[in-house]
Amino acid sequence: MVTAADIRVIAERWKRATRPLKIHEQNYGYRLVTMLEQYNGEEIRRFDDPLEAAAFIVSIGMLKELERQE
């Protein structure tokens, strides 16, 4: 079962991984981190793998952004 603390750990790791990216790519990394940090749903408890849960959260966030643009 994945917890919110697991997601926070991944968000921090992704934040550190974003820093060495090129300036024009850092924005994308920080957007992904923000999606993880803002997520507060309980649905992630259905996952056993924190990385899978993080990918799910980010995928939903990206779809929401695309929908808003249309």
C-alpha atoms as a PDB file:
ATOM      1  CA  MET A   1       0.000   0.000   0.000  1.00  0.00           C
ATOM      2  CA  VAL A   2       1.409   3.355  -1.079  1.00  0.00           C
ATOM      3  CA  THR A   3       1.109   6.296   1.304  1.00  0.00           C
ATOM      4  CA  ALA A   4       1.303  10.051   0.866  1.00  0.00           C
ATOM      5  CA  ALA A   5       4.755   9.906   2.500  1.00  0.00           C
ATOM      6  CA  ASP A   6       5.939   7.588  -0.288  1.00  0.00           C
ATOM      7  CA  ILE A   7       4.775  10.120  -2.873  1.00  0.00           C
ATOM      8  CA  ARG A   8       6.531  12.948  -1.027  1.00  0.00           C
ATOM      9  CA  VAL A   9       9.791  10.948  -1.137  1.00  0.00           C
ATOM     10  CA  ILE A  10       9.471  10.501  -4.887  1.00  0.00           C
ATOM     11  CA  ALA A  11       8.605  14.190  -5.332  1.00  0.00           C
ATOM     12  CA  GLU A  12      11.762  15.185  -3.447  1.00  0.00           C
ATOM     13  CA  ARG A  13      13.867  12.775  -5.504  1.00  0.00           C
ATOM     14  CA  TRP A  14      12.386  14.121  -8.745  1.00  0.00           C
ATOM     15  CA  LYS A  15      13.001  17.682  -7.539  1.00  0.00           C
ATOM     16  CA  ARG A  16      16.691  16.912  -6.988  1.00  0.00           C
ATOM     17  CA  ALA A  17      16.866  15.177 -10.381  1.00  0.00           C
ATOM     18  CA  THR A  18      15.395  18.266 -12.068  1.00  0.00           C
ATOM     19  CA  ARG A  19      18.108  20.652 -10.898  1.00  0.00           C
ATOM     20  CA  PRO A  20      20.887  19.394 -13.221  1.00  0.00           C
ATOM     21  CA  LEU A  21      18.623  19.549 -16.284  1.00  0.00           C
ATOM     22  CA  LYS A  22      19.116  22.293 -18.844  1.00  0.00           C
ATOM     23  CA  ILE A  23      17.352  25.523 -17.908  1.00  0.00           C
ATOM     24  CA  HIS A  24      14.637  25.152 -20.553  1.00  0.00           C
ATOM     25  CA  GLU A  25      13.911  21.575 -19.368  1.00  0.00           C
ATOM     26  CA  GLN A  26      13.786  22.322 -15.644  1.00  0.00           C
ATOM     27  CA  ASN A  27      10.319  23.802 -15.946  1.00  0.00           C
ATOM     28  CA  TYR A  28       8.965  20.438 -17.094  1.00  0.00           C
ATOM     29  CA  GLY A  29      10.546  18.618 -14.180  1.00  0.00           C
ATOM     30  CA  TYR A  30       9.171  21.108 -11.689  1.00  0.00           C
ATOM     31  CA  ARG A  31       5.700  20.823 -13.222  1.00  0.00           C
ATOM     32  CA  LEU A  32       5.781  17.057 -12.642  1.00  0.00           C
ATOM     33  CA  VAL A  33       6.954  17.565  -9.075  1.00  0.00           C
ATOM     34  CA  THR A  34       4.154  20.061  -8.485  1.00  0.00           C
ATOM     35  CA  MET A  35       1.602  17.535  -9.707  1.00  0.00           C
ATOM     36  CA  LEU A  36       2.879  15.042  -7.149  1.00  0.00           C
ATOM     37  CA  GLU A  37       2.991  17.599  -4.349  1.00  0.00           C
ATOM     38  CA  GLN A  38      -0.562  18.804  -4.979  1.00  0.00           C
ATOM     39  CA  TYR A  39      -2.111  15.352  -5.154  1.00  0.00           C
ATOM     40  CA  ASN A  40      -3.989  14.408  -1.990  1.00  0.00           C
ATOM     41  CA  GLY A  41      -6.289  11.595  -3.101  1.00  0.00           C
ATOM     42  CA  GLU A  42      -6.674   8.321  -1.300  1.00  0.00           C
ATOM     43  CA  GLU A  43      -6.740   6.303  -4.529  1.00  0.00           C
ATOM     44  CA  ILE A  44      -2.985   5.757  -4.353  1.00  0.00           C
ATOM     45  CA  ARG A  45      -3.483   3.281  -1.518  1.00  0.00           C
ATOM     46  CA  ARG A  46      -4.646   0.798  -4.143  1.00  0.00           C
ATOM     47  CA  PHE A  47      -1.106   0.653  -5.540  1.00  0.00           C
ATOM     48  CA  ASP A  48       1.729  -1.448  -4.171  1.00  0.00           C
ATOM     49  CA  ASP A  49       4.493   0.349  -6.055  1.00  0.00           C
ATOM     50  CA  PRO A  50       5.169   4.028  -5.243  1.00  0.00           C
ATOM     51  CA  LEU A  51       6.641   4.693  -8.685  1.00  0.00           C
ATOM     52  CA  GLU A  52       3.544   3.276 -10.361  1.00  0.00           C
ATOM     53  CA  ALA A  53       1.379   5.508  -8.172  1.00  0.00           C
ATOM     54  CA  ALA A  54       3.511   8.536  -9.052  1.00  0.00           C
ATOM     55  CA  ALA A  55       3.231   7.756 -12.766  1.00  0.00           C
ATOM     56  CA  PHE A  56      -0.547   7.464 -12.367  1.00  0.00           C
ATOM     57  CA  ILE A  57      -0.769  10.821 -10.585  1.00  0.00           C
ATOM     58  CA  VAL A  58       1.388  12.579 -13.184  1.00  0.00           C
ATOM     59  CA  SER A  59      -0.551  11.009 -16.059  1.00  0.00           C
ATOM     60  CA  ILE A  60      -3.820  12.293 -14.626  1.00  0.00           C
ATOM     61  CA  GLY A  61      -2.279  15.733 -14.117  1.00  0.00           C
ATOM     62  CA  MET A  62      -1.054  15.856 -17.705  1.00  0.00           C
ATOM     63  CA  LEU A  63      -4.457  14.836 -19.033  1.00  0.00           C
ATOM     64  CA  LYS A  64      -6.113  17.553 -16.948  1.00  0.00           C
ATOM     65  CA  GLU A  65      -3.721  20.142 -18.388  1.00  0.00           C
ATOM     66  CA  LEU A  66      -4.442  18.986 -21.928  1.00  0.00           C
ATOM     67  CA  GLU A  67      -8.171  19.150 -21.288  1.00  0.00           C
ATOM     68  CA  ARG A  68      -7.892  22.710 -19.961  1.00  0.00           C
ATOM     69  CA  GLN A  69      -6.041  23.771 -23.113  1.00  0.00           C
ATOM     70  CA  GLU A  70      -8.823  22.516 -25.381  1.00  0.00           C
END
